[in-house]
Amino acid sequence: MRMPAAQDRLPGVTGYIEMIMRFAYWYERQHSTPSIELVCDTFHVSRATAYRWRNAGRTAMGVPSA
């Protein structure tokens, strides 16, 4: 069985674009690169999605991938 879409698991989020915008806003305010577990817990996403989002955040901020 597939997991519900990320935006359906976070209260108050109406769509995927809003979810990504919330992540970008949150990511920019972190003092260091967030752990995968923190991304999963904060946004109720799978580990695979957390890795993709974190890597996209690093790229957007100009931080080399580890």
N, C-alpha and C. Protein backbone atom coordinates (compact mmCIF):
# COMPACT_ATOMS: atom_id res chain seq x y z
N MET A 1 0.84 -1.19 0.00
CA MET A 1 0.00 0.00 0.00
C MET A 1 0.89 1.25 0.00
N ARG A 2 0.57 2.19 -0.84
CA ARG A 2 1.34 3.42 -0.93
C ARG A 2 1.02 4.35 0.23
N MET A 3 2.03 5.12 0.62
CA MET A 3 1.81 6.14 1.65
C MET A 3 1.01 7.28 1.03
N PRO A 4 0.21 7.97 1.84
CA PRO A 4 -0.46 9.16 1.32
C PRO A 4 0.58 10.19 0.91
N ALA A 5 0.21 11.06 -0.01
CA ALA A 5 1.12 12.12 -0.46
C ALA A 5 1.54 12.97 0.73
N ALA A 6 2.76 13.51 0.64
CA ALA A 6 3.32 14.28 1.75
C ALA A 6 2.38 15.41 2.18
N GLN A 7 1.80 16.11 1.22
CA GLN A 7 0.94 17.23 1.59
C GLN A 7 -0.34 16.77 2.29
N ASP A 8 -0.70 15.51 2.14
CA ASP A 8 -1.87 14.99 2.82
C ASP A 8 -1.57 14.55 4.25
N ARG A 9 -0.29 14.47 4.61
CA ARG A 9 0.09 14.06 5.95
C ARG A 9 0.44 15.23 6.85
N LEU A 10 0.55 16.44 6.30
CA LEU A 10 0.90 17.60 7.10
C LEU A 10 -0.32 18.51 7.20
N PRO A 11 -0.88 18.68 8.39
CA PRO A 11 -2.10 19.47 8.54
C PRO A 11 -1.94 20.89 7.99
N GLY A 12 -2.98 21.35 7.30
CA GLY A 12 -3.01 22.73 6.81
C GLY A 12 -2.37 22.94 5.46
N VAL A 13 -1.74 21.92 4.90
CA VAL A 13 -1.09 22.06 3.60
C VAL A 13 -2.08 21.66 2.52
N THR A 14 -2.21 22.51 1.50
CA THR A 14 -3.22 22.26 0.48
C THR A 14 -2.68 21.65 -0.81
N GLY A 15 -1.36 21.62 -1.00
CA GLY A 15 -0.83 21.05 -2.22
C GLY A 15 0.67 20.84 -2.15
N TYR A 16 1.18 20.16 -3.17
CA TYR A 16 2.60 19.82 -3.19
C TYR A 16 3.49 21.06 -3.28
N ILE A 17 3.10 22.04 -4.07
CA ILE A 17 3.92 23.25 -4.20
C ILE A 17 4.01 23.96 -2.86
N GLU A 18 2.90 24.05 -2.13
CA GLU A 18 2.94 24.67 -0.80
C GLU A 18 3.87 23.88 0.12
N MET A 19 3.83 22.56 0.03
CA MET A 19 4.69 21.72 0.87
C MET A 19 6.16 22.02 0.58
N ILE A 20 6.52 22.11 -0.68
CA ILE A 20 7.90 22.39 -1.06
C ILE A 20 8.30 23.79 -0.61
N MET A 21 7.41 24.75 -0.73
CA MET A 21 7.70 26.11 -0.29
C MET A 21 7.92 26.15 1.22
N ARG A 22 7.13 25.39 1.97
CA ARG A 22 7.33 25.33 3.42
C ARG A 22 8.68 24.71 3.76
N PHE A 23 9.05 23.66 3.01
CA PHE A 23 10.35 23.04 3.24
C PHE A 23 11.46 24.04 2.95
N ALA A 24 11.38 24.74 1.82
CA ALA A 24 12.43 25.70 1.45
C ALA A 24 12.57 26.79 2.51
N TYR A 25 11.44 27.30 2.99
CA TYR A 25 11.44 28.33 4.04
C TYR A 25 12.10 27.78 5.30
N TRP A 26 11.72 26.59 5.71
CA TRP A 26 12.27 25.95 6.90
C TRP A 26 13.76 25.65 6.73
N TYR A 27 14.12 25.09 5.57
CA TYR A 27 15.51 24.71 5.32
C TYR A 27 16.44 25.92 5.40
N GLU A 28 16.02 27.03 4.83
CA GLU A 28 16.84 28.24 4.82
C GLU A 28 17.13 28.74 6.23
N ARG A 29 16.26 28.47 7.17
CA ARG A 29 16.41 28.95 8.53
C ARG A 29 17.16 28.00 9.46
N GLN A 30 17.59 26.86 8.93
CA GLN A 30 18.37 25.92 9.74
C GLN A 30 19.81 26.43 9.84
N HIS A 31 20.44 26.21 10.99
CA HIS A 31 21.81 26.67 11.20
C HIS A 31 22.83 25.74 10.57
N SER A 32 22.43 24.51 10.31
CA SER A 32 23.29 23.55 9.63
C SER A 32 22.39 22.63 8.81
N THR A 33 22.99 21.80 7.99
CA THR A 33 22.20 20.88 7.18
C THR A 33 21.42 19.94 8.10
N PRO A 34 20.10 19.91 7.96
CA PRO A 34 19.29 19.06 8.85
C PRO A 34 19.50 17.58 8.57
N SER A 35 19.34 16.78 9.60
CA SER A 35 19.45 15.33 9.44
C SER A 35 18.24 14.81 8.67
N ILE A 36 18.41 13.64 8.10
CA ILE A 36 17.30 12.99 7.40
C ILE A 36 16.15 12.74 8.37
N GLU A 37 16.48 12.32 9.58
CA GLU A 37 15.45 12.06 10.58
C GLU A 37 14.65 13.32 10.90
N LEU A 38 15.33 14.46 11.00
CA LEU A 38 14.63 15.71 11.29
C LEU A 38 13.69 16.09 10.14
N VAL A 39 14.14 15.92 8.91
CA VAL A 39 13.28 16.20 7.76
C VAL A 39 12.06 15.28 7.78
N CYS A 40 12.30 13.99 8.02
CA CYS A 40 11.19 13.01 8.09
C CYS A 40 10.19 13.39 9.18
N ASP A 41 10.70 13.70 10.36
CA ASP A 41 9.82 14.02 11.50
C ASP A 41 9.08 15.33 11.31
N THR A 42 9.73 16.31 10.73
CA THR A 42 9.13 17.63 10.57
C THR A 42 8.06 17.64 9.49
N PHE A 43 8.33 16.94 8.38
CA PHE A 43 7.43 17.01 7.22
C PHE A 43 6.67 15.71 6.94
N HIS A 44 6.86 14.70 7.78
CA HIS A 44 6.13 13.44 7.65
C HIS A 44 6.31 12.82 6.26
N VAL A 45 7.58 12.77 5.83
CA VAL A 45 7.89 12.17 4.53
C VAL A 45 8.75 10.93 4.73
N SER A 46 8.87 10.14 3.68
CA SER A 46 9.71 8.95 3.74
C SER A 46 11.18 9.36 3.74
N ARG A 47 12.03 8.41 4.08
CA ARG A 47 13.47 8.69 4.06
C ARG A 47 13.94 9.02 2.65
N ALA A 48 13.40 8.34 1.65
CA ALA A 48 13.79 8.62 0.27
C ALA A 48 13.46 10.06 -0.12
N THR A 49 12.27 10.50 0.24
CA THR A 49 11.87 11.89 -0.04
C THR A 49 12.73 12.86 0.75
N ALA A 50 13.03 12.53 1.99
CA ALA A 50 13.87 13.41 2.82
C ALA A 50 15.25 13.58 2.20
N TYR A 51 15.83 12.49 1.68
CA TYR A 51 17.13 12.59 1.01
C TYR A 51 17.03 13.48 -0.22
N ARG A 52 15.98 13.31 -1.04
CA ARG A 52 15.82 14.14 -2.24
C ARG A 52 15.67 15.61 -1.87
N TRP A 53 14.83 15.90 -0.89
CA TRP A 53 14.60 17.29 -0.49
C TRP A 53 15.86 17.90 0.09
N ARG A 54 16.55 17.16 0.96
CA ARG A 54 17.76 17.71 1.57
C ARG A 54 18.82 17.98 0.51
N ASN A 55 18.98 17.08 -0.43
CA ASN A 55 19.95 17.30 -1.51
C ASN A 55 19.56 18.50 -2.36
N ALA A 56 18.27 18.67 -2.63
CA ALA A 56 17.81 19.85 -3.38
C ALA A 56 18.07 21.12 -2.58
N GLY A 57 17.87 21.07 -1.28
CA GLY A 57 18.15 22.23 -0.42
C GLY A 57 19.62 22.59 -0.44
N ARG A 58 20.48 21.59 -0.35
CA ARG A 58 21.92 21.83 -0.42
C ARG A 58 22.30 22.48 -1.75
N THR A 59 21.77 21.94 -2.83
CA THR A 59 22.07 22.49 -4.15
C THR A 59 21.61 23.94 -4.26
N ALA A 60 20.40 24.21 -3.79
CA ALA A 60 19.85 25.57 -3.86
C ALA A 60 20.67 26.55 -3.04
N MET A 61 21.23 26.08 -1.93
CA MET A 61 22.02 26.96 -1.05
C MET A 61 23.50 26.98 -1.45
N GLY A 62 23.87 26.21 -2.48
CA GLY A 62 25.26 26.20 -2.93
C GLY A 62 26.19 25.39 -2.05
N VAL A 63 25.64 24.42 -1.31
CA VAL A 63 26.45 23.57 -0.43
C VAL A 63 26.75 22.28 -1.18
N PRO A 64 28.01 21.88 -1.27
CA PRO A 64 28.32 20.63 -1.98
C PRO A 64 27.70 19.43 -1.29
N SER A 65 27.28 18.44 -2.07
CA SER A 65 26.71 17.21 -1.50
C SER A 65 27.80 16.44 -0.78
N ALA A 66 27.41 15.79 0.30
CA ALA A 66 28.38 15.00 1.08
C ALA A 66 28.50 13.61 0.53
